[in-house]
Amino acid sequence: MFYTDGKLQYKVRVDAPNPLFAKMLQQAVGGVEGEIRVCMQYMFQAWGARGPKKYRDMLLNTGTEEMAHIEMLATAVALNLEGAAPAIKEGVSATNPMMQAMLGGMSPRSYLSAGMAAMPVYSDGVPFDMSHIYASGNLAGDMYANVAAEATGRTLATRLYNLTDDPGMKDMLSFMIARDTMHQQQWLAVIEELGGPLALPIPDSFPQGQEHQDQSYVFLTTTIQGGPPAPEGRWSSGPSIDGKGEFRIEPARPHGEEPVLSSPPPESFAQQSQIDGGPGKSPLLGTKQPEQAAGGEIIDKVKDTLS
């Protein structure tokens, strides 16, 4: 359950309304780096959180704060749109203030669809579609995703800060940049609490003995012979970050064969020359019938995992 006192988390003041800046602020509302994204990411991580309850509570608190950031930005967008007409340079003949606003850099939809208000879209007007919400159920993995989200969000906020001379907008963005600083530190603190590098690789619950460990700490270079030298850095030599191996560089080489697919079946309605000229059954296929593999092993494994 959520409650509100009707007040903004921090003051929003627009000293020089600018419809073009309103359009830019939409990126912080509905962009992949924006506040809707982190709000929904933290909420879905919280709602699916398993394990110590404190992490669920922390995520809920921060996700709710991000709602307040959406409110602040939506207010800033609306206030900037109110100054659309004065933003038009002399010489624009249109007398309708809404038409002047569109000519001044505002997205037409801000008027046509929202009546001079913010929308859940990014700066080009494309709706936020929730495709960048990361809530994997692995707490450590999600925390790294959260650090990346806050890092890119803070980068966006600093760019917006640099694009405006409006004192009120700079003040609001300064507050939001500071909160992004805290949230970066917050997620990194959780990672440290969970073991930091010693809890790598993620998930640490999968036995590393079951992976091809000869490939676990190798940087593969795909540079052809005679090309530029392989890039070297912390990742190319010395102990691995998790302390479980040694980094090294190797040229990439194929470990598999050229892929060969079976001839198309008649019911695929490929060209007859494809059906007749193919290899028949692929040599890469096993001997089990499809119904045995799909209906037996996989479903049984899912049942065993969930039971």
Protein backbone atom coordinates (compact mmCIF):
# COMPACT_ATOMS: atom_id res chain seq x y z
CA MET A 1 0.00 0.00 0.00
CA PHE A 2 1.26 3.48 -0.81
CA TYR A 3 0.48 6.80 0.83
CA THR A 4 1.18 10.40 -0.15
CA ASP A 5 1.13 13.69 1.66
CA GLY A 6 0.62 15.56 -1.61
CA LYS A 7 3.95 17.38 -1.40
CA LEU A 8 6.99 17.15 -3.65
CA GLN A 9 10.14 15.51 -2.29
CA TYR A 10 12.07 18.61 -3.32
CA LYS A 11 10.99 22.00 -4.62
CA VAL A 12 10.46 22.45 -8.35
CA ARG A 13 10.75 25.97 -9.68
CA VAL A 14 11.02 27.10 -13.31
CA ASP A 15 12.38 30.61 -13.65
CA ALA A 16 12.51 30.70 -17.46
CA PRO A 17 10.01 28.24 -19.00
CA ASN A 18 11.42 26.45 -22.03
CA PRO A 19 9.37 23.95 -24.09
CA LEU A 20 12.48 22.47 -25.67
CA PHE A 21 13.92 21.70 -22.24
CA ALA A 22 10.59 20.12 -21.31
CA LYS A 23 11.11 17.73 -24.21
CA MET A 24 14.62 16.93 -22.97
CA LEU A 25 13.33 16.31 -19.45
CA GLN A 26 11.06 13.61 -20.88
CA GLN A 27 14.17 11.45 -21.29
CA ALA A 28 14.54 11.49 -17.50
CA VAL A 29 10.88 10.52 -17.17
CA GLY A 30 10.44 7.74 -19.71
CA GLY A 31 13.89 7.06 -21.12
CA VAL A 32 15.87 3.88 -20.55
CA GLU A 33 17.99 5.94 -18.13
CA GLY A 34 14.94 7.50 -16.52
CA GLU A 35 12.95 7.39 -13.33
CA ILE A 36 10.07 5.17 -14.48
CA ARG A 37 12.64 2.52 -15.32
CA VAL A 38 14.38 2.51 -11.93
CA CYS A 39 11.09 2.83 -10.05
CA MET A 40 9.64 -0.25 -11.71
CA GLN A 41 12.93 -2.14 -11.52
CA TYR A 42 13.25 -1.67 -7.76
CA MET A 43 9.58 -2.44 -7.19
CA PHE A 44 9.60 -5.70 -9.12
CA GLN A 45 12.83 -6.71 -7.44
CA ALA A 46 11.18 -6.03 -4.08
CA TRP A 47 7.91 -7.79 -4.87
CA GLY A 48 9.81 -10.91 -5.87
CA ALA A 49 12.49 -10.70 -3.19
CA ARG A 50 13.34 -13.89 -1.31
CA GLY A 51 15.77 -14.20 1.54
CA PRO A 52 16.49 -11.63 4.28
CA LYS A 53 13.52 -9.30 4.59
CA LYS A 54 15.69 -6.19 4.96
CA TYR A 55 16.55 -6.22 1.26
CA ARG A 56 12.89 -6.28 0.26
CA ASP A 57 12.16 -3.39 2.61
CA MET A 58 15.11 -1.39 1.30
CA LEU A 59 14.05 -1.88 -2.33
CA LEU A 60 10.46 -0.86 -1.54
CA ASN A 61 11.65 2.33 0.15
CA THR A 62 13.88 3.33 -2.74
CA GLY A 63 11.35 2.34 -5.39
CA THR A 64 8.79 4.56 -3.67
CA GLU A 65 11.29 7.43 -3.59
CA GLU A 66 11.70 7.05 -7.35
CA MET A 67 7.94 7.64 -7.70
CA ALA A 68 8.57 11.00 -6.06
CA HIS A 69 11.26 11.72 -8.65
CA ILE A 70 8.81 11.00 -11.46
CA GLU A 71 6.40 13.46 -9.82
CA MET A 72 9.09 16.14 -9.63
CA LEU A 73 10.06 15.70 -13.26
CA ALA A 74 6.46 15.63 -14.46
CA THR A 75 5.87 18.90 -12.63
CA ALA A 76 9.00 20.40 -14.21
CA VAL A 77 7.88 19.33 -17.68
CA ALA A 78 4.43 20.90 -17.22
CA LEU A 79 5.85 24.16 -15.89
CA ASN A 80 8.33 24.42 -18.76
CA LEU A 81 5.52 23.85 -21.26
CA GLU A 82 3.64 26.83 -19.85
CA GLY A 83 6.36 29.06 -21.26
CA ALA A 84 6.00 27.85 -24.81
CA ALA A 85 4.83 31.09 -26.40
CA PRO A 86 7.63 33.34 -25.09
CA ALA A 87 10.18 30.86 -26.39
CA ILE A 88 9.28 31.66 -30.00
CA LYS A 89 11.59 34.07 -31.71
CA GLU A 90 10.29 37.19 -33.38
CA GLY A 91 8.99 36.60 -36.86
CA VAL A 92 6.77 33.57 -36.18
CA SER A 93 3.43 34.61 -37.54
CA ALA A 94 1.23 32.01 -35.85
CA THR A 95 -1.01 33.59 -33.23
CA ASN A 96 -2.33 30.41 -31.60
CA PRO A 97 -0.19 29.84 -28.46
CA MET A 98 -0.38 26.08 -28.88
CA MET A 99 0.98 26.33 -32.42
CA GLN A 100 3.71 28.65 -31.15
CA ALA A 101 4.59 26.07 -28.52
CA MET A 102 5.02 23.35 -31.13
CA LEU A 103 7.22 25.61 -33.20
CA GLY A 104 9.27 26.40 -30.13
CA GLY A 105 10.57 22.85 -29.80
CA MET A 106 7.79 21.21 -27.84
CA SER A 107 6.53 17.83 -28.94
CA PRO A 108 3.07 18.29 -30.52
CA ARG A 109 1.79 15.37 -28.44
CA SER A 110 2.47 17.30 -25.24
CA TYR A 111 -0.51 19.44 -26.24
CA LEU A 112 -2.53 17.09 -28.42
CA SER A 113 -2.40 14.08 -26.10
CA ALA A 114 -1.58 15.49 -22.69
CA GLY A 115 -2.84 19.09 -22.63
CA MET A 116 0.58 20.62 -21.89
CA ALA A 117 1.73 17.96 -19.44
CA ALA A 118 4.32 15.21 -19.07
CA MET A 119 3.78 11.75 -20.54
CA PRO A 120 5.33 8.31 -19.90
CA VAL A 121 7.53 8.65 -22.98
CA TYR A 122 11.14 9.49 -23.70
CA SER A 123 12.36 12.64 -25.44
CA ASP A 124 11.43 11.42 -28.95
CA GLY A 125 7.88 10.63 -27.83
CA VAL A 126 8.18 6.83 -27.78
CA PRO A 127 6.30 5.26 -24.82
CA PHE A 128 8.28 3.55 -22.09
CA ASP A 129 7.66 -0.16 -22.65
CA MET A 130 9.15 -1.83 -19.52
CA SER A 131 11.61 -3.85 -21.62
CA HIS A 132 14.57 -2.72 -19.49
CA ILE A 133 13.26 -3.86 -16.11
CA TYR A 134 15.76 -6.27 -14.57
CA ALA A 135 14.48 -8.35 -11.69
CA SER A 136 16.17 -11.73 -11.95
CA GLY A 137 15.56 -13.09 -8.46
CA ASN A 138 19.34 -13.12 -7.88
CA LEU A 139 19.97 -10.33 -5.39
CA ALA A 140 23.63 -9.78 -6.26
CA GLY A 141 22.97 -9.75 -9.99
CA ASP A 142 20.14 -7.28 -9.53
CA MET A 143 22.33 -4.99 -7.44
CA TYR A 144 24.90 -4.77 -10.25
CA ALA A 145 22.03 -3.94 -12.64
CA ASN A 146 20.91 -1.24 -10.21
CA VAL A 147 24.38 0.30 -10.08
CA ALA A 148 24.38 0.50 -13.87
CA ALA A 149 20.88 2.03 -13.86
CA GLU A 150 21.87 4.72 -11.37
CA ALA A 151 25.16 5.39 -13.17
CA THR A 152 23.45 6.00 -16.50
CA GLY A 153 20.66 7.95 -14.80
CA ARG A 154 23.16 10.20 -13.05
CA THR A 155 24.99 10.72 -16.34
CA LEU A 156 21.72 11.83 -17.96
CA ALA A 157 20.94 14.18 -15.05
CA THR A 158 24.37 15.82 -15.30
CA ARG A 159 23.88 16.36 -19.03
CA LEU A 160 20.50 17.97 -18.40
CA TYR A 161 22.07 20.13 -15.69
CA ASN A 162 24.63 21.31 -18.22
CA LEU A 163 21.96 22.11 -20.84
CA THR A 164 20.00 24.62 -18.79
CA ASP A 165 20.77 28.03 -17.33
CA ASP A 166 17.50 28.09 -15.39
CA PRO A 167 18.43 28.41 -11.67
CA GLY A 168 15.33 26.53 -10.56
CA MET A 169 15.97 23.61 -12.90
CA LYS A 170 19.64 23.47 -11.91
CA ASP A 171 18.62 23.34 -8.25
CA MET A 172 16.16 20.48 -8.82
CA LEU A 173 18.64 18.52 -10.93
CA SER A 174 21.37 19.08 -8.35
CA PHE A 175 19.15 17.39 -5.77
CA MET A 176 18.41 14.47 -8.09
CA ILE A 177 22.09 14.05 -8.95
CA ALA A 178 22.85 13.82 -5.22
CA ARG A 179 20.19 11.14 -4.76
CA ASP A 180 21.70 9.19 -7.66
CA THR A 181 25.02 9.35 -5.83
CA MET A 182 23.43 7.83 -2.74
CA HIS A 183 21.67 5.11 -4.68
CA GLN A 184 24.86 4.08 -6.45
CA GLN A 185 26.56 3.81 -3.07
CA GLN A 186 23.56 2.00 -1.60
CA TRP A 187 23.59 -0.81 -4.17
CA LEU A 188 27.37 -1.11 -3.96
CA ALA A 189 27.04 -1.42 -0.17
CA VAL A 190 24.62 -4.32 -0.63
CA ILE A 191 27.07 -5.99 -3.03
CA GLU A 192 29.81 -5.62 -0.41
CA GLU A 193 27.50 -7.00 2.27
CA LEU A 194 26.76 -10.02 0.08
CA GLY A 195 30.46 -10.81 -0.22
CA GLY A 196 31.64 -8.49 -2.97
CA PRO A 197 34.16 -10.12 -5.32
CA LEU A 198 34.26 -13.23 -3.14
CA ALA A 199 30.63 -13.93 -4.13
CA LEU A 200 31.56 -14.03 -7.83
CA PRO A 201 30.80 -15.38 -10.32
CA ILE A 202 27.06 -14.81 -10.11
CA PRO A 203 25.24 -16.98 -9.27
CA ASP A 204 27.71 -18.34 -6.71
CA SER A 205 25.31 -21.20 -5.99
CA PHE A 206 26.18 -22.95 -9.27
CA PRO A 207 29.15 -25.32 -8.87
CA GLN A 208 32.03 -23.97 -10.93
CA GLY A 209 33.22 -27.52 -11.41
CA GLN A 210 30.34 -27.93 -13.86
CA GLU A 211 31.55 -25.16 -16.19
CA HIS A 212 34.43 -25.43 -18.68
CA GLN A 213 36.94 -23.95 -16.26
CA ASP A 214 39.67 -23.76 -18.87
CA GLN A 215 37.57 -20.93 -20.37
CA SER A 216 36.58 -19.18 -17.14
CA TYR A 217 39.34 -16.56 -17.01
CA VAL A 218 40.55 -16.26 -20.60
CA PHE A 219 40.30 -13.01 -22.54
CA LEU A 220 39.75 -14.02 -26.16
CA THR A 221 41.13 -11.78 -28.86
CA THR A 222 39.45 -11.94 -32.26
CA THR A 223 42.11 -9.85 -33.99
CA ILE A 224 43.35 -11.54 -37.15
CA GLN A 225 47.03 -12.25 -37.67
CA GLY A 226 48.86 -9.08 -38.59
CA GLY A 227 46.17 -6.90 -37.02
CA PRO A 228 46.52 -4.63 -34.00
CA PRO A 229 47.84 -6.21 -30.77
CA ALA A 230 45.36 -7.59 -28.26
CA PRO A 231 44.15 -4.98 -25.76
CA GLU A 232 45.85 -5.52 -22.41
CA GLY A 233 44.71 -4.39 -19.00
CA ARG A 234 43.64 -5.66 -15.60
CA TRP A 235 41.50 -8.25 -17.39
CA SER A 236 44.35 -9.84 -19.35
CA SER A 237 46.85 -10.97 -16.72
CA GLY A 238 47.17 -11.49 -12.99
CA PRO A 239 44.69 -12.92 -10.50
CA SER A 240 41.00 -12.86 -11.37
CA ILE A 241 38.74 -10.51 -9.43
CA ASP A 242 37.16 -13.39 -7.52
CA GLY A 243 40.60 -14.81 -6.66
CA LYS A 244 39.72 -18.18 -8.15
CA GLY A 245 41.84 -18.07 -11.28
CA GLU A 246 44.46 -16.25 -13.36
CA PHE A 247 43.63 -14.00 -16.29
CA ARG A 248 45.35 -14.74 -19.59
CA ILE A 249 45.01 -13.86 -23.27
CA GLU A 250 44.41 -16.37 -26.02
CA PRO A 251 43.48 -16.01 -29.68
CA ALA A 252 39.90 -17.08 -30.30
CA ARG A 253 39.62 -20.34 -32.20
CA PRO A 254 36.68 -22.53 -33.16
CA HIS A 255 35.91 -25.44 -30.88
CA GLY A 256 32.90 -26.56 -32.90
CA GLU A 257 32.10 -27.53 -36.46
CA GLU A 258 30.41 -25.79 -39.33
CA PRO A 259 26.67 -25.84 -38.57
CA VAL A 260 24.60 -28.21 -40.69
CA LEU A 261 20.80 -28.09 -40.49
CA SER A 262 18.54 -30.87 -41.66
CA SER A 263 16.74 -30.63 -44.97
CA PRO A 264 13.45 -28.72 -44.63
CA PRO A 265 10.47 -30.99 -43.96
CA PRO A 266 7.71 -31.06 -46.57
CA GLU A 267 5.26 -29.29 -44.26
CA SER A 268 7.56 -26.25 -44.17
CA PHE A 269 6.69 -25.58 -47.83
CA ALA A 270 10.23 -24.58 -48.73
CA GLN A 271 11.25 -24.82 -52.36
CA GLN A 272 11.45 -28.40 -53.67
CA SER A 273 15.10 -27.84 -54.59
CA GLN A 274 15.83 -27.08 -50.92
CA ILE A 275 14.08 -30.25 -49.78
CA ASP A 276 15.77 -32.46 -52.39
CA GLY A 277 19.20 -30.86 -52.23
CA GLY A 278 19.70 -30.78 -48.48
CA PRO A 279 21.74 -33.18 -46.35
CA GLY A 280 18.75 -35.07 -44.97
CA LYS A 281 18.99 -35.38 -41.20
CA SER A 282 21.61 -33.13 -39.64
CA PRO A 283 24.64 -35.01 -38.29
CA LEU A 284 24.46 -32.68 -35.28
CA LEU A 285 21.14 -34.16 -34.11
CA GLY A 286 20.97 -36.92 -31.54
CA THR A 287 18.96 -40.10 -31.72
CA LYS A 288 16.09 -39.17 -29.40
CA GLN A 289 12.76 -38.40 -30.98
CA PRO A 290 11.56 -34.81 -30.53
CA GLU A 291 8.55 -35.84 -28.50
CA GLN A 292 10.77 -37.78 -26.10
CA ALA A 293 13.13 -34.90 -25.56
CA ALA A 294 10.50 -32.17 -25.25
CA GLY A 295 7.77 -34.05 -23.45
CA GLY A 296 10.01 -36.07 -21.21
CA GLU A 297 13.28 -34.64 -20.03
CA ILE A 298 12.59 -30.92 -20.02
CA ILE A 299 9.17 -31.09 -18.40
CA ASP A 300 10.44 -33.61 -15.85
CA LYS A 301 13.35 -31.31 -15.00
CA VAL A 302 10.97 -28.38 -14.50
CA LYS A 303 8.75 -30.53 -12.26
CA ASP A 304 11.77 -31.67 -10.21
CA THR A 305 13.04 -28.09 -9.85
CA LEU A 306 9.71 -26.68 -8.71
CA SER A 307 8.67 -29.56 -6.46
